[in-house]
Amino acid sequence: MTTPNHADVFYTAEFIDGPLAGDSEERVLVHGKHDDSLGVVALVDGLESIFRYNALESRDIAGKLHVTYTFNEASSDPFESDDENE
């Protein structure tokens, strides 16, 4: 039995907009495929929020899959503060 190559199991998710703009993370390929949509939990103003992202495009960089994700605001929790004092 052969051990899978690291690049064959993981891919890089890049967030281009929304509250995670500019962030990236390494994720696991499921059955050799990246996720078409993601739900990411993050803290905003001290509260956990769920943000939904959809895959926009994918490309190979130095033998590793990179997928660009765009923010789906309609299906995400609000992320701007409602504090009137700010």
PDB file of N, CA and C in Angstrom:
ATOM      1  N   MET A   1       0.843  -1.178   0.000  1.00  0.00           N
ATOM      2  CA  MET A   1       0.000   0.000   0.000  1.00  0.00           C
ATOM      3  C   MET A   1       0.889   1.241   0.000  1.00  0.00           C
ATOM      4  N   THR A   2       0.542   2.207  -0.817  1.00  0.00           N
ATOM      5  CA  THR A   2       1.342   3.430  -0.900  1.00  0.00           C
ATOM      6  C   THR A   2       0.734   4.514  -0.028  1.00  0.00           C
ATOM      7  N   THR A   3       1.581   5.366   0.482  1.00  0.00           N
ATOM      8  CA  THR A   3       1.143   6.503   1.282  1.00  0.00           C
ATOM      9  C   THR A   3       0.903   7.680   0.348  1.00  0.00           C
ATOM     10  N   PRO A   4      -0.255   8.348   0.472  1.00  0.00           N
ATOM     11  CA  PRO A   4      -0.523   9.480  -0.417  1.00  0.00           C
ATOM     12  C   PRO A   4       0.456  10.622  -0.196  1.00  0.00           C
ATOM     13  N   ASN A   5       0.772  11.309  -1.274  1.00  0.00           N
ATOM     14  CA  ASN A   5       1.626  12.483  -1.226  1.00  0.00           C
ATOM     15  C   ASN A   5       0.862  13.601  -0.514  1.00  0.00           C
ATOM     16  N   HIS A   6       1.540  14.391   0.303  1.00  0.00           N
ATOM     17  CA  HIS A   6       0.926  15.493   1.036  1.00  0.00           C
ATOM     18  C   HIS A   6       0.119  16.397   0.110  1.00  0.00           C
ATOM     19  N   ALA A   7       0.645  16.716  -1.053  1.00  0.00           N
ATOM     20  CA  ALA A   7      -0.036  17.605  -1.992  1.00  0.00           C
ATOM     21  C   ALA A   7      -1.287  16.968  -2.568  1.00  0.00           C
ATOM     22  N   ASP A   8      -1.406  15.626  -2.507  1.00  0.00           N
ATOM     23  CA  ASP A   8      -2.574  14.944  -3.035  1.00  0.00           C
ATOM     24  C   ASP A   8      -3.730  14.916  -2.054  1.00  0.00           C
ATOM     25  N   VAL A   9      -3.511  15.284  -0.806  1.00  0.00           N
ATOM     26  CA  VAL A   9      -4.525  15.176   0.236  1.00  0.00           C
ATOM     27  C   VAL A   9      -5.016  16.552   0.693  1.00  0.00           C
ATOM     28  N   PHE A  10      -4.190  17.571   0.585  1.00  0.00           N
ATOM     29  CA  PHE A  10      -4.521  18.903   1.069  1.00  0.00           C
ATOM     30  C   PHE A  10      -4.585  19.904  -0.076  1.00  0.00           C
ATOM     31  N   TYR A  11      -5.357  20.969   0.149  1.00  0.00           N
ATOM     32  CA  TYR A  11      -5.375  22.095  -0.783  1.00  0.00           C
ATOM     33  C   TYR A  11      -5.412  23.385   0.018  1.00  0.00           C
ATOM     34  N   THR A  12      -5.123  24.494  -0.623  1.00  0.00           N
ATOM     35  CA  THR A  12      -5.143  25.796   0.031  1.00  0.00           C
ATOM     36  C   THR A  12      -6.411  26.536  -0.355  1.00  0.00           C
ATOM     37  N   ALA A  13      -7.177  26.944   0.643  1.00  0.00           N
ATOM     38  CA  ALA A  13      -8.378  27.758   0.437  1.00  0.00           C
ATOM     39  C   ALA A  13      -7.991  29.210   0.662  1.00  0.00           C
ATOM     40  N   GLU A  14      -8.273  30.058  -0.326  1.00  0.00           N
ATOM     41  CA  GLU A  14      -7.946  31.487  -0.256  1.00  0.00           C
ATOM     42  C   GLU A  14      -9.245  32.282  -0.265  1.00  0.00           C
ATOM     43  N   PHE A  15      -9.431  33.150   0.731  1.00  0.00           N
ATOM     44  CA  PHE A  15     -10.647  33.947   0.857  1.00  0.00           C
ATOM     45  C   PHE A  15     -10.374  35.348   0.308  1.00  0.00           C
ATOM     46  N   ILE A  16     -11.122  35.742  -0.723  1.00  0.00           N
ATOM     47  CA  ILE A  16     -10.804  37.001  -1.408  1.00  0.00           C
ATOM     48  C   ILE A  16     -11.645  38.191  -0.952  1.00  0.00           C
ATOM     49  N   ASP A  17     -12.740  37.938  -0.223  1.00  0.00           N
ATOM     50  CA  ASP A  17     -13.571  39.054   0.220  1.00  0.00           C
ATOM     51  C   ASP A  17     -14.309  38.660   1.495  1.00  0.00           C
ATOM     52  N   GLY A  18     -15.168  39.565   1.972  1.00  0.00           N
ATOM     53  CA  GLY A  18     -15.902  39.303   3.202  1.00  0.00           C
ATOM     54  C   GLY A  18     -15.026  39.433   4.431  1.00  0.00           C
ATOM     55  N   PRO A  19     -15.494  38.923   5.567  1.00  0.00           N
ATOM     56  CA  PRO A  19     -14.763  39.098   6.822  1.00  0.00           C
ATOM     57  C   PRO A  19     -13.428  38.348   6.877  1.00  0.00           C
ATOM     58  N   LEU A  20     -13.225  37.362   6.014  1.00  0.00           N
ATOM     59  CA  LEU A  20     -11.970  36.608   6.003  1.00  0.00           C
ATOM     60  C   LEU A  20     -11.052  37.025   4.852  1.00  0.00           C
ATOM     61  N   ALA A  21     -11.341  38.141   4.215  1.00  0.00           N
ATOM     62  CA  ALA A  21     -10.559  38.612   3.065  1.00  0.00           C
ATOM     63  C   ALA A  21      -9.068  38.623   3.371  1.00  0.00           C
ATOM     64  N   GLY A  22      -8.297  38.019   2.489  1.00  0.00           N
ATOM     65  CA  GLY A  22      -6.847  37.985   2.636  1.00  0.00           C
ATOM     66  C   GLY A  22      -6.334  36.788   3.416  1.00  0.00           C
ATOM     67  N   ASP A  23      -7.228  36.044   4.058  1.00  0.00           N
ATOM     68  CA  ASP A  23      -6.818  34.854   4.818  1.00  0.00           C
ATOM     69  C   ASP A  23      -6.751  33.644   3.902  1.00  0.00           C
ATOM     70  N   SER A  24      -6.003  32.653   4.331  1.00  0.00           N
ATOM     71  CA  SER A  24      -5.970  31.365   3.633  1.00  0.00           C
ATOM     72  C   SER A  24      -5.778  30.284   4.683  1.00  0.00           C
ATOM     73  N   GLU A  25      -6.178  29.081   4.330  1.00  0.00           N
ATOM     74  CA  GLU A  25      -6.001  27.953   5.232  1.00  0.00           C
ATOM     75  C   GLU A  25      -5.855  26.673   4.425  1.00  0.00           C
ATOM     76  N   GLU A  26      -5.201  25.720   5.031  1.00  0.00           N
ATOM     77  CA  GLU A  26      -5.028  24.422   4.389  1.00  0.00           C
ATOM     78  C   GLU A  26      -6.216  23.549   4.767  1.00  0.00           C
ATOM     79  N   ARG A  27      -6.818  22.902   3.764  1.00  0.00           N
ATOM     80  CA  ARG A  27      -7.984  22.052   3.983  1.00  0.00           C
ATOM     81  C   ARG A  27      -7.742  20.692   3.346  1.00  0.00           C
ATOM     82  N   VAL A  28      -8.540  19.730   3.740  1.00  0.00           N
ATOM     83  CA  VAL A  28      -8.393  18.357   3.259  1.00  0.00           C
ATOM     84  C   VAL A  28      -9.304  18.122   2.060  1.00  0.00           C
ATOM     85  N   LEU A  29      -8.756  17.498   1.030  1.00  0.00           N
ATOM     86  CA  LEU A  29      -9.560  17.072  -0.120  1.00  0.00           C
ATOM     87  C   LEU A  29     -10.406  15.878   0.310  1.00  0.00           C
ATOM     88  N   VAL A  30     -11.669  15.850  -0.103  1.00  0.00           N
ATOM     89  CA  VAL A  30     -12.555  14.733   0.203  1.00  0.00           C
ATOM     90  C   VAL A  30     -12.801  13.981  -1.100  1.00  0.00           C
ATOM     91  N   HIS A  31     -12.371  12.723  -1.133  1.00  0.00           N
ATOM     92  CA  HIS A  31     -12.449  11.906  -2.343  1.00  0.00           C
ATOM     93  C   HIS A  31     -11.747  12.595  -3.513  1.00  0.00           C
ATOM     94  N   GLY A  32     -10.646  13.296  -3.199  1.00  0.00           N
ATOM     95  CA  GLY A  32      -9.838  13.942  -4.220  1.00  0.00           C
ATOM     96  C   GLY A  32     -10.393  15.255  -4.734  1.00  0.00           C
ATOM     97  N   LYS A  33     -11.446  15.795  -4.088  1.00  0.00           N
ATOM     98  CA  LYS A  33     -12.072  17.035  -4.570  1.00  0.00           C
ATOM     99  C   LYS A  33     -12.112  18.081  -3.459  1.00  0.00           C
ATOM    100  N   HIS A  34     -12.044  19.354  -3.868  1.00  0.00           N
ATOM    101  CA  HIS A  34     -12.183  20.453  -2.916  1.00  0.00           C
ATOM    102  C   HIS A  34     -13.668  20.714  -2.652  1.00  0.00           C
ATOM    103  N   ASP A  35     -13.942  21.438  -1.584  1.00  0.00           N
ATOM    104  CA  ASP A  35     -15.317  21.810  -1.245  1.00  0.00           C
ATOM    105  C   ASP A  35     -15.818  22.897  -2.188  1.00  0.00           C
ATOM    106  N   ASP A  36     -17.050  22.739  -2.679  1.00  0.00           N
ATOM    107  CA  ASP A  36     -17.653  23.777  -3.510  1.00  0.00           C
ATOM    108  C   ASP A  36     -18.136  24.950  -2.665  1.00  0.00           C
ATOM    109  N   SER A  37     -18.473  24.662  -1.411  1.00  0.00           N
ATOM    110  CA  SER A  37     -18.872  25.724  -0.493  1.00  0.00           C
ATOM    111  C   SER A  37     -18.348  25.381   0.897  1.00  0.00           C
ATOM    112  N   LEU A  38     -18.093  26.429   1.677  1.00  0.00           N
ATOM    113  CA  LEU A  38     -17.539  26.261   3.022  1.00  0.00           C
ATOM    114  C   LEU A  38     -18.370  27.051   4.020  1.00  0.00           C
ATOM    115  N   GLY A  39     -18.473  26.526   5.229  1.00  0.00           N
ATOM    116  CA  GLY A  39     -18.990  27.262   6.363  1.00  0.00           C
ATOM    117  C   GLY A  39     -17.832  27.426   7.333  1.00  0.00           C
ATOM    118  N   VAL A  40     -17.455  28.662   7.631  1.00  0.00           N
ATOM    119  CA  VAL A  40     -16.299  28.935   8.481  1.00  0.00           C
ATOM    120  C   VAL A  40     -16.774  29.693   9.720  1.00  0.00           C
ATOM    121  N   VAL A  41     -16.389  29.213  10.898  1.00  0.00           N
ATOM    122  CA  VAL A  41     -16.736  29.874  12.148  1.00  0.00           C
ATOM    123  C   VAL A  41     -15.590  30.800  12.539  1.00  0.00           C
ATOM    124  N   ALA A  42     -15.933  32.055  12.867  1.00  0.00           N
ATOM    125  CA  ALA A  42     -14.919  33.036  13.277  1.00  0.00           C
ATOM    126  C   ALA A  42     -15.524  33.965  14.322  1.00  0.00           C
ATOM    127  N   LEU A  43     -14.665  34.589  15.114  1.00  0.00           N
ATOM    128  CA  LEU A  43     -15.119  35.558  16.113  1.00  0.00           C
ATOM    129  C   LEU A  43     -15.157  36.956  15.521  1.00  0.00           C
ATOM    130  N   VAL A  44     -16.291  37.644  15.717  1.00  0.00           N
ATOM    131  CA  VAL A  44     -16.435  39.037  15.309  1.00  0.00           C
ATOM    132  C   VAL A  44     -17.075  39.765  16.481  1.00  0.00           C
ATOM    133  N   ASP A  45     -16.433  40.803  16.953  1.00  0.00           N
ATOM    134  CA  ASP A  45     -16.907  41.556  18.127  1.00  0.00           C
ATOM    135  C   ASP A  45     -17.150  40.626  19.314  1.00  0.00           C
ATOM    136  N   GLY A  46     -16.334  39.590  19.445  1.00  0.00           N
ATOM    137  CA  GLY A  46     -16.433  38.672  20.567  1.00  0.00           C
ATOM    138  C   GLY A  46     -17.528  37.623  20.439  1.00  0.00           C
ATOM    139  N   LEU A  47     -18.228  37.593  19.313  1.00  0.00           N
ATOM    140  CA  LEU A  47     -19.295  36.614  19.085  1.00  0.00           C
ATOM    141  C   LEU A  47     -18.911  35.679  17.956  1.00  0.00           C
ATOM    142  N   GLU A  48     -19.234  34.396  18.135  1.00  0.00           N
ATOM    143  CA  GLU A  48     -18.995  33.441  17.048  1.00  0.00           C
ATOM    144  C   GLU A  48     -19.988  33.696  15.929  1.00  0.00           C
ATOM    145  N   SER A  49     -19.494  33.733  14.722  1.00  0.00           N
ATOM    146  CA  SER A  49     -20.339  33.920  13.547  1.00  0.00           C
ATOM    147  C   SER A  49     -19.987  32.851  12.518  1.00  0.00           C
ATOM    148  N   ILE A  50     -20.973  32.460  11.734  1.00  0.00           N
ATOM    149  CA  ILE A  50     -20.744  31.486  10.669  1.00  0.00           C
ATOM    150  C   ILE A  50     -20.789  32.227   9.336  1.00  0.00           C
ATOM    151  N   PHE A  51     -19.709  32.077   8.576  1.00  0.00           N
ATOM    152  CA  PHE A  51     -19.603  32.722   7.273  1.00  0.00           C
ATOM    153  C   PHE A  51     -19.592  31.661   6.192  1.00  0.00           C
ATOM    154  N   ARG A  52     -20.363  31.873   5.163  1.00  0.00           N
ATOM    155  CA  ARG A  52     -20.449  30.942   4.036  1.00  0.00           C
ATOM    156  C   ARG A  52     -19.652  31.502   2.862  1.00  0.00           C
ATOM    157  N   TYR A  53     -18.879  30.632   2.253  1.00  0.00           N
ATOM    158  CA  TYR A  53     -18.069  30.979   1.085  1.00  0.00           C
ATOM    159  C   TYR A  53     -18.302  29.958  -0.018  1.00  0.00           C
ATOM    160  N   ASN A  54     -18.267  30.420  -1.264  1.00  0.00           N
ATOM    161  CA  ASN A  54     -18.422  29.553  -2.436  1.00  0.00           C
ATOM    162  C   ASN A  54     -17.148  29.570  -3.271  1.00  0.00           C
ATOM    163  N   ALA A  55     -16.796  28.400  -3.808  1.00  0.00           N
ATOM    164  CA  ALA A  55     -15.608  28.309  -4.670  1.00  0.00           C
ATOM    165  C   ALA A  55     -15.826  29.138  -5.921  1.00  0.00           C
ATOM    166  N   LEU A  56     -14.817  29.892  -6.289  1.00  0.00           N
ATOM    167  CA  LEU A  56     -14.872  30.746  -7.472  1.00  0.00           C
ATOM    168  C   LEU A  56     -14.026  30.162  -8.591  1.00  0.00           C
ATOM    169  N   GLU A  57     -12.778  29.795  -8.267  1.00  0.00           N
ATOM    170  CA  GLU A  57     -11.875  29.215  -9.262  1.00  0.00           C
ATOM    171  C   GLU A  57     -10.820  28.380  -8.555  1.00  0.00           C
ATOM    172  N   SER A  58     -10.210  27.483  -9.298  1.00  0.00           N
ATOM    173  CA  SER A  58      -9.117  26.681  -8.754  1.00  0.00           C
ATOM    174  C   SER A  58      -7.961  26.695  -9.736  1.00  0.00           C
ATOM    175  N   ARG A  59      -6.744  26.524  -9.182  1.00  0.00           N
ATOM    176  CA  ARG A  59      -5.551  26.509 -10.026  1.00  0.00           C
ATOM    177  C   ARG A  59      -4.457  25.703  -9.324  1.00  0.00           C
ATOM    178  N   ASP A  60      -3.512  25.277 -10.090  1.00  0.00           N
ATOM    179  CA  ASP A  60      -2.385  24.521  -9.569  1.00  0.00           C
ATOM    180  C   ASP A  60      -1.196  25.460  -9.442  1.00  0.00           C
ATOM    181  N   ILE A  61      -0.616  25.527  -8.244  1.00  0.00           N
ATOM    182  CA  ILE A  61       0.576  26.339  -8.012  1.00  0.00           C
ATOM    183  C   ILE A  61       1.642  25.416  -7.440  1.00  0.00           C
ATOM    184  N   ALA A  62       2.707  25.234  -8.184  1.00  0.00           N
ATOM    185  CA  ALA A  62       3.831  24.384  -7.773  1.00  0.00           C
ATOM    186  C   ALA A  62       3.363  22.994  -7.353  1.00  0.00           C
ATOM    187  N   GLY A  63       2.407  22.453  -8.094  1.00  0.00           N
ATOM    188  CA  GLY A  63       1.934  21.099  -7.838  1.00  0.00           C
ATOM    189  C   GLY A  63       0.904  20.971  -6.736  1.00  0.00           C
ATOM    190  N   LYS A  64       0.419  22.098  -6.205  1.00  0.00           N
ATOM    191  CA  LYS A  64      -0.588  22.056  -5.143  1.00  0.00           C
ATOM    192  C   LYS A  64      -1.824  22.829  -5.564  1.00  0.00           C
ATOM    193  N   LEU A  65      -2.997  22.269  -5.256  1.00  0.00           N
ATOM    194  CA  LEU A  65      -4.266  22.897  -5.608  1.00  0.00           C
ATOM    195  C   LEU A  65      -4.537  24.096  -4.708  1.00  0.00           C
ATOM    196  N   HIS A  66      -4.902  25.223  -5.321  1.00  0.00           N
ATOM    197  CA  HIS A  66      -5.322  26.432  -4.625  1.00  0.00           C
ATOM    198  C   HIS A  66      -6.721  26.772  -5.126  1.00  0.00           C
ATOM    199  N   VAL A  67      -7.652  26.988  -4.198  1.00  0.00           N
ATOM    200  CA  VAL A  67      -9.025  27.314  -4.554  1.00  0.00           C
ATOM    201  C   VAL A  67      -9.367  28.678  -3.972  1.00  0.00           C
ATOM    202  N   THR A  68      -9.913  29.556  -4.809  1.00  0.00           N
ATOM    203  CA  THR A  68     -10.330  30.884  -4.393  1.00  0.00           C
ATOM    204  C   THR A  68     -11.806  30.824  -4.016  1.00  0.00           C
ATOM    205  N   TYR A  69     -12.128  31.378  -2.843  1.00  0.00           N
ATOM    206  CA  TYR A  69     -13.505  31.389  -2.352  1.00  0.00           C
ATOM    207  C   TYR A  69     -14.000  32.820  -2.217  1.00  0.00           C
ATOM    208  N   THR A  70     -15.284  33.030  -2.562  1.00  0.00           N
ATOM    209  CA  THR A  70     -15.911  34.340  -2.461  1.00  0.00           C
ATOM    210  C   THR A  70     -17.022  34.289  -1.412  1.00  0.00           C
ATOM    211  N   PHE A  71     -17.211  35.389  -0.711  1.00  0.00           N
ATOM    212  CA  PHE A  71     -18.142  35.480   0.402  1.00  0.00           C
ATOM    213  C   PHE A  71     -19.588  35.426  -0.074  1.00  0.00           C
ATOM    214  N   ASN A  72     -20.412  34.624   0.610  1.00  0.00           N
ATOM    215  CA  ASN A  72     -21.845  34.542   0.342  1.00  0.00           C
ATOM    216  C   ASN A  72     -22.554  35.237   1.501  1.00  0.00           C
ATOM    217  N   GLU A  73     -22.726  36.528   1.386  1.00  0.00           N
ATOM    218  CA  GLU A  73     -23.272  37.334   2.480  1.00  0.00           C
ATOM    219  C   GLU A  73     -24.705  36.951   2.829  1.00  0.00           C
ATOM    220  N   ALA A  74     -25.511  36.609   1.837  1.00  0.00           N
ATOM    221  CA  ALA A  74     -26.922  36.292   2.069  1.00  0.00           C
ATOM    222  C   ALA A  74     -27.123  35.105   3.002  1.00  0.00           C
ATOM    223  N   SER A  75     -26.228  34.137   2.977  1.00  0.00           N
ATOM    224  CA  SER A  75     -26.404  32.951   3.820  1.00  0.00           C
ATOM    225  C   SER A  75     -25.470  32.943   5.032  1.00  0.00           C
ATOM    226  N   SER A  76     -24.820  34.077   5.314  1.00  0.00           N
ATOM    227  CA  SER A  76     -23.891  34.187   6.435  1.00  0.00           C
ATOM    228  C   SER A  76     -24.494  35.008   7.563  1.00  0.00           C
ATOM    229  N   ASP A  77     -23.919  34.845   8.762  1.00  0.00           N
ATOM    230  CA  ASP A  77     -24.287  35.706   9.883  1.00  0.00           C
ATOM    231  C   ASP A  77     -23.786  37.112   9.601  1.00  0.00           C
ATOM    232  N   PRO A  78     -24.472  38.142  10.120  1.00  0.00           N
ATOM    233  CA  PRO A  78     -23.954  39.510   9.958  1.00  0.00           C
ATOM    234  C   PRO A  78     -22.611  39.642  10.658  1.00  0.00           C
ATOM    235  N   PHE A  79     -21.722  40.471  10.105  1.00  0.00           N
ATOM    236  CA  PHE A  79     -20.397  40.592  10.719  1.00  0.00           C
ATOM    237  C   PHE A  79     -20.015  42.015  11.059  1.00  0.00           C
ATOM    238  N   GLU A  80     -20.877  42.980  10.819  1.00  0.00           N
ATOM    239  CA  GLU A  80     -20.582  44.348  11.207  1.00  0.00           C
ATOM    240  C   GLU A  80     -21.213  44.622  12.554  1.00  0.00           C
ATOM    241  N   SER A  81     -20.531  45.361  13.377  1.00  0.00           N
ATOM    242  CA  SER A  81     -21.000  45.653  14.721  1.00  0.00           C
ATOM    243  C   SER A  81     -22.280  46.469  14.694  1.00  0.00           C
ATOM    244  N   ASP A  82     -23.224  46.126  15.602  1.00  0.00           N
ATOM    245  CA  ASP A  82     -24.462  46.889  15.760  1.00  0.00           C
ATOM    246  C   ASP A  82     -24.352  47.869  16.915  1.00  0.00           C
ATOM    247  N   ASP A  83     -23.167  48.022  17.483  1.00  0.00           N
ATOM    248  CA  ASP A  83     -22.940  48.885  18.616  1.00  0.00           C
ATOM    249  C   ASP A  83     -23.070  50.351  18.197  1.00  0.00           C
ATOM    250  N   GLU A  84     -24.001  51.074  18.825  1.00  0.00           N
ATOM    251  CA  GLU A  84     -24.238  52.473  18.466  1.00  0.00           C
ATOM    252  C   GLU A  84     -23.102  53.379  18.893  1.00  0.00           C
ATOM    253  N   ASN A  85     -22.249  52.935  19.813  1.00  0.00           N
ATOM    254  CA  ASN A  85     -21.154  53.769  20.321  1.00  0.00           C
ATOM    255  C   ASN A  85     -19.923  53.737  19.430  1.00  0.00           C
ATOM    256  N   GLU A  86     -19.919  52.916  18.397  1.00  0.00           N
ATOM    257  CA  GLU A  86     -18.722  52.817  17.537  1.00  0.00           C
ATOM    258  C   GLU A  86     -18.810  53.783  16.393  1.00  0.00           C
TER     259      GLU A  86
END
